[in-house]
Amino acid sequence: MTSLRPAALSAMRGFGIVAVALLTQACDDDADDGGPDSPSTATVAFAYLAATSIDPAVQIAFPACVAGAGRTHIHPSWQGFVRIDMTPVGADRWEISLNDVPANEFVRIRISDPNVCAENPTGAATQNGFANDVELTQVVDTPGNGIEPGLGFSVAPDGTVTP
């Protein structure tokens, strides 16, 4: 049996370490190498054009819905439909910007507005929603109190929205 010299043994160990490192990197599905399969996100500025105060007539007629909807907010699909309050801007506009919207994927949002309780028993809005100044027109199902209507779209890495 042939014994390896210390220099050869050290070289083999170095080769083994490099090989394992390369294999680990090649097999890492989460590695962001900038290739076509890399995860990508975009920033989207959402606007919802609607009154920023609750209509007293709606509050009187639909008190349970108004209480359930609370402050106008958004539920994004890529965040598990968690509630995120929107910010009122003036008397007729709500806004929020999210910087983690998956690019090149169809995503959904639900906007909940207590004033919409007069039209929808859960306050889910399907009109007047915008993403990066593009009106969202595709009505989709979202989870909530049962199935609730929402809006669907996709966004490119550069922020271009397709409703």
N, C-alpha and C. Protein backbone atom coordinates (compact mmCIF):
# COMPACT_ATOMS: atom_id res chain seq x y z
N MET A 1 0.83 -1.17 0.00
CA MET A 1 0.00 0.00 0.00
C MET A 1 0.88 1.24 0.00
N THR A 2 0.47 2.20 -0.82
CA THR A 2 1.27 3.41 -0.96
C THR A 2 0.78 4.45 0.03
N SER A 3 1.70 5.09 0.72
CA SER A 3 1.30 6.14 1.64
C SER A 3 1.44 7.50 0.96
N LEU A 4 0.55 8.39 1.30
CA LEU A 4 0.57 9.72 0.70
C LEU A 4 1.53 10.62 1.47
N ARG A 5 2.24 11.43 0.76
CA ARG A 5 3.14 12.39 1.38
C ARG A 5 2.30 13.50 2.01
N PRO A 6 2.80 14.16 3.02
CA PRO A 6 2.05 15.24 3.67
C PRO A 6 1.59 16.33 2.70
N ALA A 7 2.39 16.69 1.72
CA ALA A 7 1.99 17.74 0.78
C ALA A 7 0.81 17.29 -0.08
N ALA A 8 0.82 16.04 -0.52
CA ALA A 8 -0.28 15.51 -1.33
C ALA A 8 -1.55 15.42 -0.51
N LEU A 9 -1.41 14.96 0.74
CA LEU A 9 -2.57 14.85 1.63
C LEU A 9 -3.19 16.23 1.88
N SER A 10 -2.36 17.24 2.10
CA SER A 10 -2.84 18.61 2.32
C SER A 10 -3.55 19.14 1.08
N ALA A 11 -3.03 18.86 -0.10
CA ALA A 11 -3.66 19.30 -1.35
C ALA A 11 -5.01 18.64 -1.53
N MET A 12 -5.11 17.34 -1.19
CA MET A 12 -6.39 16.63 -1.32
C MET A 12 -7.43 17.20 -0.37
N ARG A 13 -7.00 17.53 0.87
CA ARG A 13 -7.93 18.13 1.83
C ARG A 13 -8.45 19.47 1.29
N GLY A 14 -7.53 20.28 0.77
CA GLY A 14 -7.92 21.58 0.20
C GLY A 14 -8.89 21.42 -0.94
N PHE A 15 -8.64 20.45 -1.82
CA PHE A 15 -9.54 20.18 -2.93
C PHE A 15 -10.92 19.76 -2.42
N GLY A 16 -10.95 18.93 -1.40
CA GLY A 16 -12.22 18.46 -0.83
C GLY A 16 -13.03 19.61 -0.25
N ILE A 17 -12.36 20.53 0.43
CA ILE A 17 -13.05 21.67 1.02
C ILE A 17 -13.63 22.56 -0.08
N VAL A 18 -12.84 22.81 -1.13
CA VAL A 18 -13.32 23.63 -2.24
C VAL A 18 -14.49 22.94 -2.95
N ALA A 19 -14.39 21.64 -3.16
CA ALA A 19 -15.46 20.89 -3.83
C ALA A 19 -16.75 20.96 -3.02
N VAL A 20 -16.65 20.76 -1.71
CA VAL A 20 -17.85 20.83 -0.87
C VAL A 20 -18.46 22.23 -0.92
N ALA A 21 -17.63 23.27 -0.87
CA ALA A 21 -18.14 24.64 -0.93
C ALA A 21 -18.84 24.91 -2.25
N LEU A 22 -18.25 24.47 -3.35
CA LEU A 22 -18.88 24.68 -4.66
C LEU A 22 -20.18 23.92 -4.78
N LEU A 23 -20.23 22.70 -4.31
CA LEU A 23 -21.46 21.91 -4.36
C LEU A 23 -22.55 22.54 -3.49
N THR A 24 -22.16 23.03 -2.33
CA THR A 24 -23.14 23.67 -1.45
C THR A 24 -23.73 24.90 -2.12
N GLN A 25 -22.89 25.71 -2.73
CA GLN A 25 -23.38 26.91 -3.41
C GLN A 25 -24.26 26.54 -4.60
N ALA A 26 -23.87 25.53 -5.37
CA ALA A 26 -24.64 25.13 -6.54
C ALA A 26 -26.00 24.57 -6.15
N CYS A 27 -26.09 23.95 -4.99
CA CYS A 27 -27.34 23.32 -4.56
C CYS A 27 -28.22 24.26 -3.76
N ASP A 28 -27.74 25.44 -3.41
CA ASP A 28 -28.50 26.36 -2.57
C ASP A 28 -29.55 27.07 -3.41
N ASP A 29 -30.80 26.62 -3.30
CA ASP A 29 -31.89 27.22 -4.07
C ASP A 29 -32.18 28.65 -3.65
N ASP A 30 -31.77 29.02 -2.44
CA ASP A 30 -32.06 30.36 -1.95
C ASP A 30 -30.98 31.38 -2.32
N ALA A 31 -29.88 30.91 -2.89
CA ALA A 31 -28.81 31.83 -3.23
C ALA A 31 -29.28 32.78 -4.32
N ASP A 32 -29.03 34.08 -4.14
CA ASP A 32 -29.42 35.08 -5.13
C ASP A 32 -28.22 35.36 -6.02
N ASP A 33 -28.17 34.69 -7.16
CA ASP A 33 -27.05 34.87 -8.07
C ASP A 33 -27.38 35.81 -9.22
N GLY A 34 -28.56 36.43 -9.18
CA GLY A 34 -28.93 37.37 -10.22
C GLY A 34 -29.45 36.72 -11.48
N GLY A 35 -29.55 35.41 -11.49
CA GLY A 35 -30.03 34.69 -12.67
C GLY A 35 -31.53 34.80 -12.81
N PRO A 36 -32.08 34.19 -13.87
CA PRO A 36 -33.51 34.33 -14.14
C PRO A 36 -34.41 33.71 -13.08
N ASP A 37 -33.90 32.76 -12.28
CA ASP A 37 -34.72 32.15 -11.25
C ASP A 37 -34.58 32.83 -9.90
N SER A 38 -33.80 33.91 -9.83
CA SER A 38 -33.57 34.59 -8.56
C SER A 38 -34.83 35.30 -8.11
N PRO A 39 -35.09 35.27 -6.80
CA PRO A 39 -36.25 36.02 -6.31
C PRO A 39 -36.04 37.50 -6.53
N SER A 40 -37.10 38.19 -6.87
CA SER A 40 -37.02 39.61 -7.15
C SER A 40 -38.25 40.30 -6.58
N THR A 41 -38.05 41.47 -6.05
CA THR A 41 -39.17 42.24 -5.53
C THR A 41 -39.17 43.62 -6.14
N ALA A 42 -40.30 44.29 -5.97
CA ALA A 42 -40.45 45.65 -6.46
C ALA A 42 -41.15 46.47 -5.39
N THR A 43 -40.98 47.76 -5.47
CA THR A 43 -41.70 48.67 -4.59
C THR A 43 -42.96 49.12 -5.31
N VAL A 44 -44.07 49.06 -4.60
CA VAL A 44 -45.35 49.48 -5.16
C VAL A 44 -45.99 50.48 -4.22
N ALA A 45 -46.37 51.62 -4.79
CA ALA A 45 -47.12 52.64 -4.05
C ALA A 45 -48.60 52.40 -4.33
N PHE A 46 -49.33 52.04 -3.30
CA PHE A 46 -50.77 51.79 -3.42
C PHE A 46 -51.52 53.05 -3.04
N ALA A 47 -52.57 53.34 -3.79
CA ALA A 47 -53.47 54.44 -3.48
C ALA A 47 -54.89 53.92 -3.59
N TYR A 48 -55.71 54.36 -2.69
CA TYR A 48 -57.13 54.01 -2.70
C TYR A 48 -57.88 55.32 -2.61
N LEU A 49 -58.66 55.63 -3.65
CA LEU A 49 -59.36 56.90 -3.71
C LEU A 49 -60.75 56.74 -3.10
N ALA A 50 -60.87 57.19 -1.87
CA ALA A 50 -62.12 57.08 -1.12
C ALA A 50 -62.05 58.01 0.09
N ALA A 51 -63.18 58.31 0.64
CA ALA A 51 -63.26 59.21 1.80
C ALA A 51 -62.41 58.67 2.95
N THR A 52 -61.74 59.59 3.63
CA THR A 52 -60.90 59.19 4.76
C THR A 52 -61.62 59.34 6.10
N SER A 53 -62.88 59.70 6.05
CA SER A 53 -63.69 59.71 7.28
C SER A 53 -64.89 58.79 7.06
N ILE A 54 -65.36 58.23 8.14
CA ILE A 54 -66.48 57.28 8.05
C ILE A 54 -67.78 58.05 7.85
N ASP A 55 -68.55 57.61 6.89
CA ASP A 55 -69.87 58.18 6.61
C ASP A 55 -70.80 57.82 7.77
N PRO A 56 -71.34 58.80 8.48
CA PRO A 56 -72.22 58.49 9.63
C PRO A 56 -73.43 57.64 9.24
N ALA A 57 -73.98 57.84 8.04
CA ALA A 57 -75.14 57.04 7.62
C ALA A 57 -74.75 55.56 7.46
N VAL A 58 -73.56 55.29 6.94
CA VAL A 58 -73.10 53.91 6.80
C VAL A 58 -72.85 53.32 8.19
N GLN A 59 -72.27 54.10 9.07
CA GLN A 59 -71.99 53.61 10.43
C GLN A 59 -73.27 53.25 11.17
N ILE A 60 -74.33 54.03 10.97
CA ILE A 60 -75.61 53.75 11.63
C ILE A 60 -76.27 52.52 11.00
N ALA A 61 -76.23 52.42 9.69
CA ALA A 61 -76.91 51.32 8.99
C ALA A 61 -76.17 49.98 9.09
N PHE A 62 -74.84 50.01 9.20
CA PHE A 62 -74.04 48.77 9.19
C PHE A 62 -73.00 48.79 10.32
N PRO A 63 -73.44 48.90 11.56
CA PRO A 63 -72.47 49.08 12.65
C PRO A 63 -71.50 47.90 12.82
N ALA A 64 -71.96 46.68 12.66
CA ALA A 64 -71.07 45.52 12.84
C ALA A 64 -70.00 45.48 11.76
N CYS A 65 -70.39 45.75 10.52
CA CYS A 65 -69.42 45.76 9.42
C CYS A 65 -68.41 46.88 9.61
N VAL A 66 -68.87 48.08 9.95
CA VAL A 66 -67.98 49.22 10.14
C VAL A 66 -66.99 48.91 11.27
N ALA A 67 -67.47 48.33 12.36
CA ALA A 67 -66.58 47.98 13.46
C ALA A 67 -65.58 46.91 13.04
N GLY A 68 -66.03 45.95 12.25
CA GLY A 68 -65.14 44.88 11.78
C GLY A 68 -64.09 45.38 10.82
N ALA A 69 -64.47 46.30 9.95
CA ALA A 69 -63.51 46.84 8.98
C ALA A 69 -62.52 47.77 9.68
N GLY A 70 -63.00 48.54 10.64
CA GLY A 70 -62.12 49.46 11.34
C GLY A 70 -61.57 50.52 10.41
N ARG A 71 -60.34 50.91 10.62
CA ARG A 71 -59.68 51.90 9.77
C ARG A 71 -59.37 51.26 8.41
N THR A 72 -59.44 52.03 7.35
CA THR A 72 -59.15 51.52 6.00
C THR A 72 -57.75 50.92 5.98
N HIS A 73 -57.65 49.72 5.43
CA HIS A 73 -56.39 48.98 5.43
C HIS A 73 -56.29 48.06 4.22
N ILE A 74 -55.13 47.47 4.05
CA ILE A 74 -54.84 46.58 2.92
C ILE A 74 -54.37 45.23 3.46
N HIS A 75 -54.69 44.17 2.72
CA HIS A 75 -54.23 42.81 3.05
C HIS A 75 -53.46 42.28 1.83
N PRO A 76 -52.12 42.23 1.85
CA PRO A 76 -51.35 41.72 0.70
C PRO A 76 -51.15 40.20 0.76
N SER A 77 -51.35 39.54 -0.37
CA SER A 77 -51.23 38.08 -0.42
C SER A 77 -49.83 37.60 -0.06
N TRP A 78 -48.79 38.30 -0.49
CA TRP A 78 -47.42 37.85 -0.27
C TRP A 78 -46.98 37.99 1.18
N GLN A 79 -47.82 38.63 1.99
CA GLN A 79 -47.56 38.72 3.42
C GLN A 79 -48.60 37.93 4.20
N GLY A 80 -49.21 36.95 3.54
CA GLY A 80 -50.20 36.11 4.21
C GLY A 80 -51.50 36.82 4.53
N PHE A 81 -51.80 37.87 3.79
CA PHE A 81 -53.03 38.65 3.97
C PHE A 81 -53.13 39.30 5.35
N VAL A 82 -51.99 39.65 5.95
CA VAL A 82 -52.03 40.37 7.22
C VAL A 82 -52.62 41.75 6.98
N ARG A 83 -53.12 42.33 8.03
CA ARG A 83 -53.71 43.68 7.95
C ARG A 83 -52.60 44.73 8.10
N ILE A 84 -52.61 45.70 7.18
CA ILE A 84 -51.68 46.83 7.25
C ILE A 84 -52.50 48.10 7.03
N ASP A 85 -52.56 48.95 8.05
CA ASP A 85 -53.34 50.18 7.93
C ASP A 85 -52.74 51.09 6.87
N MET A 86 -53.63 51.73 6.12
CA MET A 86 -53.21 52.71 5.13
C MET A 86 -53.21 54.10 5.77
N THR A 87 -52.52 55.03 5.16
CA THR A 87 -52.41 56.39 5.69
C THR A 87 -53.35 57.31 4.93
N PRO A 88 -54.20 58.06 5.66
CA PRO A 88 -55.07 59.02 4.97
C PRO A 88 -54.25 60.20 4.45
N VAL A 89 -54.57 60.62 3.22
CA VAL A 89 -53.91 61.77 2.60
C VAL A 89 -55.03 62.67 2.09
N GLY A 90 -55.30 63.74 2.79
CA GLY A 90 -56.41 64.60 2.42
C GLY A 90 -57.73 63.94 2.78
N ALA A 91 -58.80 64.42 2.16
CA ALA A 91 -60.14 63.95 2.48
C ALA A 91 -60.57 62.72 1.68
N ASP A 92 -59.90 62.45 0.55
CA ASP A 92 -60.37 61.39 -0.35
C ASP A 92 -59.28 60.47 -0.88
N ARG A 93 -58.25 60.20 -0.08
CA ARG A 93 -57.17 59.34 -0.57
C ARG A 93 -56.49 58.64 0.59
N TRP A 94 -56.23 57.35 0.39
CA TRP A 94 -55.45 56.53 1.32
C TRP A 94 -54.22 56.06 0.57
N GLU A 95 -53.08 55.93 1.27
CA GLU A 95 -51.86 55.49 0.62
C GLU A 95 -51.05 54.55 1.51
N ILE A 96 -50.25 53.73 0.85
CA ILE A 96 -49.22 52.93 1.52
C ILE A 96 -48.24 52.47 0.44
N SER A 97 -46.99 52.39 0.79
CA SER A 97 -45.97 51.90 -0.13
C SER A 97 -45.35 50.64 0.48
N LEU A 98 -45.27 49.58 -0.32
CA LEU A 98 -44.68 48.33 0.14
C LEU A 98 -43.49 47.99 -0.77
N ASN A 99 -42.36 47.67 -0.17
CA ASN A 99 -41.15 47.43 -0.96
C ASN A 99 -40.80 45.96 -1.11
N ASP A 100 -41.74 45.08 -0.79
CA ASP A 100 -41.46 43.65 -0.85
C ASP A 100 -42.41 42.89 -1.77
N VAL A 101 -42.98 43.57 -2.75
CA VAL A 101 -43.95 42.93 -3.65
C VAL A 101 -43.20 42.01 -4.61
N PRO A 102 -43.54 40.72 -4.64
CA PRO A 102 -42.85 39.80 -5.56
C PRO A 102 -43.03 40.23 -7.01
N ALA A 103 -41.92 40.33 -7.71
CA ALA A 103 -41.95 40.72 -9.12
C ALA A 103 -42.23 39.51 -10.00
N ASN A 104 -42.87 39.77 -11.12
CA ASN A 104 -43.17 38.74 -12.13
C ASN A 104 -44.02 37.60 -11.59
N GLU A 105 -44.86 37.90 -10.60
CA GLU A 105 -45.81 36.93 -10.06
C GLU A 105 -47.17 37.61 -9.97
N PHE A 106 -48.23 36.83 -10.13
CA PHE A 106 -49.57 37.36 -9.92
C PHE A 106 -49.81 37.42 -8.42
N VAL A 107 -50.13 38.59 -7.91
CA VAL A 107 -50.38 38.78 -6.48
C VAL A 107 -51.76 39.40 -6.29
N ARG A 108 -52.24 39.34 -5.06
CA ARG A 108 -53.58 39.85 -4.75
C ARG A 108 -53.52 40.74 -3.51
N ILE A 109 -54.41 41.69 -3.48
CA ILE A 109 -54.60 42.52 -2.29
C ILE A 109 -56.10 42.61 -2.02
N ARG A 110 -56.41 42.89 -0.78
CA ARG A 110 -57.79 43.24 -0.44
C ARG A 110 -57.71 44.56 0.31
N ILE A 111 -58.53 45.50 -0.10
CA ILE A 111 -58.63 46.78 0.59
C ILE A 111 -59.95 46.75 1.37
N SER A 112 -59.85 46.97 2.66
CA SER A 112 -61.03 46.99 3.52
C SER A 112 -61.32 48.42 3.94
N ASP A 113 -62.55 48.85 3.68
CA ASP A 113 -62.96 50.23 3.93
C ASP A 113 -64.33 50.20 4.60
N PRO A 114 -64.47 50.74 5.80
CA PRO A 114 -65.77 50.70 6.47
C PRO A 114 -66.89 51.37 5.66
N ASN A 115 -66.57 52.36 4.84
CA ASN A 115 -67.61 53.01 4.03
C ASN A 115 -68.17 52.10 2.95
N VAL A 116 -67.45 51.05 2.60
CA VAL A 116 -67.91 50.12 1.57
C VAL A 116 -68.91 49.12 2.15
N CYS A 117 -69.11 49.14 3.45
CA CYS A 117 -70.07 48.23 4.08
C CYS A 117 -71.47 48.39 3.49
N ALA A 118 -71.78 49.54 2.92
CA ALA A 118 -73.08 49.75 2.28
C ALA A 118 -73.20 48.94 0.99
N GLU A 119 -72.06 48.54 0.39
CA GLU A 119 -72.05 47.79 -0.86
C GLU A 119 -71.63 46.33 -0.68
N ASN A 120 -70.81 46.07 0.32
CA ASN A 120 -70.27 44.74 0.56
C ASN A 120 -70.33 44.46 2.06
N PRO A 121 -70.88 43.33 2.47
CA PRO A 121 -71.06 43.07 3.91
C PRO A 121 -69.77 42.93 4.71
N THR A 122 -68.61 42.88 4.04
CA THR A 122 -67.34 42.81 4.77
C THR A 122 -66.52 44.09 4.62
N GLY A 123 -66.98 45.02 3.79
CA GLY A 123 -66.25 46.26 3.56
C GLY A 123 -65.10 46.12 2.57
N ALA A 124 -65.06 45.01 1.83
CA ALA A 124 -64.00 44.81 0.84
C ALA A 124 -64.28 45.64 -0.41
N ALA A 125 -63.31 46.46 -0.79
CA ALA A 125 -63.46 47.37 -1.94
C ALA A 125 -62.90 46.74 -3.20
N THR A 126 -63.57 46.94 -4.31
CA THR A 126 -63.09 46.42 -5.61
C THR A 126 -62.96 47.53 -6.65
N GLN A 127 -63.06 48.77 -6.23
CA GLN A 127 -62.92 49.90 -7.14
C GLN A 127 -62.00 50.94 -6.51
N ASN A 128 -61.43 51.78 -7.37
CA ASN A 128 -60.63 52.92 -6.94
C ASN A 128 -59.30 52.55 -6.28
N GLY A 129 -58.81 51.32 -6.54
CA GLY A 129 -57.50 50.91 -6.04
C GLY A 129 -56.46 51.07 -7.14
N PHE A 130 -55.31 51.62 -6.78
CA PHE A 130 -54.24 51.87 -7.74
C PHE A 130 -52.93 51.31 -7.21
N ALA A 131 -52.09 50.84 -8.12
CA ALA A 131 -50.74 50.38 -7.79
C ALA A 131 -49.78 51.07 -8.75
N ASN A 132 -48.87 51.85 -8.21
CA ASN A 132 -47.94 52.66 -9.02
C ASN A 132 -48.70 53.43 -10.11
N ASP A 133 -49.80 54.05 -9.70
CA ASP A 133 -50.64 54.91 -10.56
C ASP A 133 -51.41 54.16 -11.64
N VAL A 134 -51.46 52.84 -11.57
CA VAL A 134 -52.24 52.04 -12.52
C VAL A 134 -53.48 51.54 -11.79
N GLU A 135 -54.65 51.81 -12.36
CA GLU A 135 -55.88 51.35 -11.72
C GLU A 135 -55.97 49.83 -11.77
N LEU A 136 -56.28 49.22 -10.63
CA LEU A 136 -56.43 47.77 -10.54
C LEU A 136 -57.87 47.42 -10.86
N THR A 137 -58.06 46.60 -11.88
CA THR A 137 -59.41 46.30 -12.36
C THR A 137 -59.76 44.83 -12.30
N GLN A 138 -58.80 43.95 -12.04
CA GLN A 138 -59.07 42.52 -12.01
C GLN A 138 -59.54 42.11 -10.61
N VAL A 139 -60.83 41.79 -10.49
CA VAL A 139 -61.40 41.38 -9.21
C VAL A 139 -61.12 39.89 -9.02
N VAL A 140 -60.58 39.56 -7.83
CA VAL A 140 -60.18 38.20 -7.51
C VAL A 140 -60.70 37.83 -6.12
N ASP A 141 -60.65 36.55 -5.81
CA ASP A 141 -61.02 36.08 -4.48
C ASP A 141 -59.83 36.20 -3.53
N THR A 142 -60.12 36.55 -2.29
CA THR A 142 -59.10 36.57 -1.24
C THR A 142 -59.71 35.96 0.02
N PRO A 143 -58.87 35.39 0.88
CA PRO A 143 -59.41 34.86 2.14
C PRO A 143 -59.66 36.00 3.12
N GLY A 144 -60.65 35.82 3.93
CA GLY A 144 -60.98 36.82 4.95
C GLY A 144 -62.05 36.22 5.83
N ASN A 145 -63.17 36.89 5.93
CA ASN A 145 -64.35 36.31 6.59
C ASN A 145 -65.06 35.49 5.53
N GLY A 146 -64.53 34.30 5.28
CA GLY A 146 -64.95 33.52 4.12
C GLY A 146 -64.16 34.03 2.93
N ILE A 147 -64.72 33.94 1.75
CA ILE A 147 -64.07 34.47 0.55
C ILE A 147 -64.54 35.91 0.36
N GLU A 148 -63.58 36.81 0.24
CA GLU A 148 -63.89 38.22 0.03
C GLU A 148 -63.26 38.69 -1.27
N PRO A 149 -63.87 39.67 -1.93
CA PRO A 149 -63.28 40.16 -3.18
C PRO A 149 -62.05 41.03 -2.91
N GLY A 150 -61.12 40.92 -3.84
CA GLY A 150 -59.92 41.74 -3.79
C GLY A 150 -59.52 42.12 -5.20
N LEU A 151 -58.29 42.54 -5.35
CA LEU A 151 -57.77 42.98 -6.65
C LEU A 151 -56.46 42.26 -6.93
N GLY A 152 -56.28 41.83 -8.19
CA GLY A 152 -55.06 41.13 -8.57
C GLY A 152 -54.26 41.89 -9.60
N PHE A 153 -52.94 41.66 -9.59
CA PHE A 153 -52.06 42.33 -10.54
C PHE A 153 -50.70 41.64 -10.51
N SER A 154 -49.84 42.04 -11.41
CA SER A 154 -48.43 41.64 -11.35
C SER A 154 -47.59 42.90 -11.54
N VAL A 155 -46.35 42.83 -11.07
CA VAL A 155 -45.44 43.97 -11.17
C VAL A 155 -44.08 43.48 -11.65
N ALA A 156 -43.48 44.23 -12.54
CA ALA A 156 -42.14 43.94 -13.03
C ALA A 156 -41.12 44.48 -12.03
N PRO A 157 -39.89 43.99 -12.06
CA PRO A 157 -38.87 44.49 -11.14
C PRO A 157 -38.69 46.01 -11.22
N ASP A 158 -38.97 46.61 -12.37
CA ASP A 158 -38.83 48.07 -12.50
C ASP A 158 -40.05 48.84 -11.99
N GLY A 159 -41.07 48.12 -11.46
CA GLY A 159 -42.25 48.77 -10.91
C GLY A 159 -43.42 48.89 -11.88
N THR A 160 -43.28 48.43 -13.09
CA THR A 160 -44.39 48.48 -14.06
C THR A 160 -45.47 47.51 -13.63
N VAL A 161 -46.68 48.00 -13.45
CA VAL A 161 -47.81 47.20 -12.99
C VAL A 161 -48.69 46.79 -14.15
N THR A 162 -49.09 45.52 -14.15
CA THR A 162 -50.06 45.01 -15.11
C THR A 162 -51.29 44.56 -14.32
N PRO A 163 -52.42 45.25 -14.53
CA PRO A 163 -53.63 44.88 -13.76
C PRO A 163 -54.25 43.57 -14.24
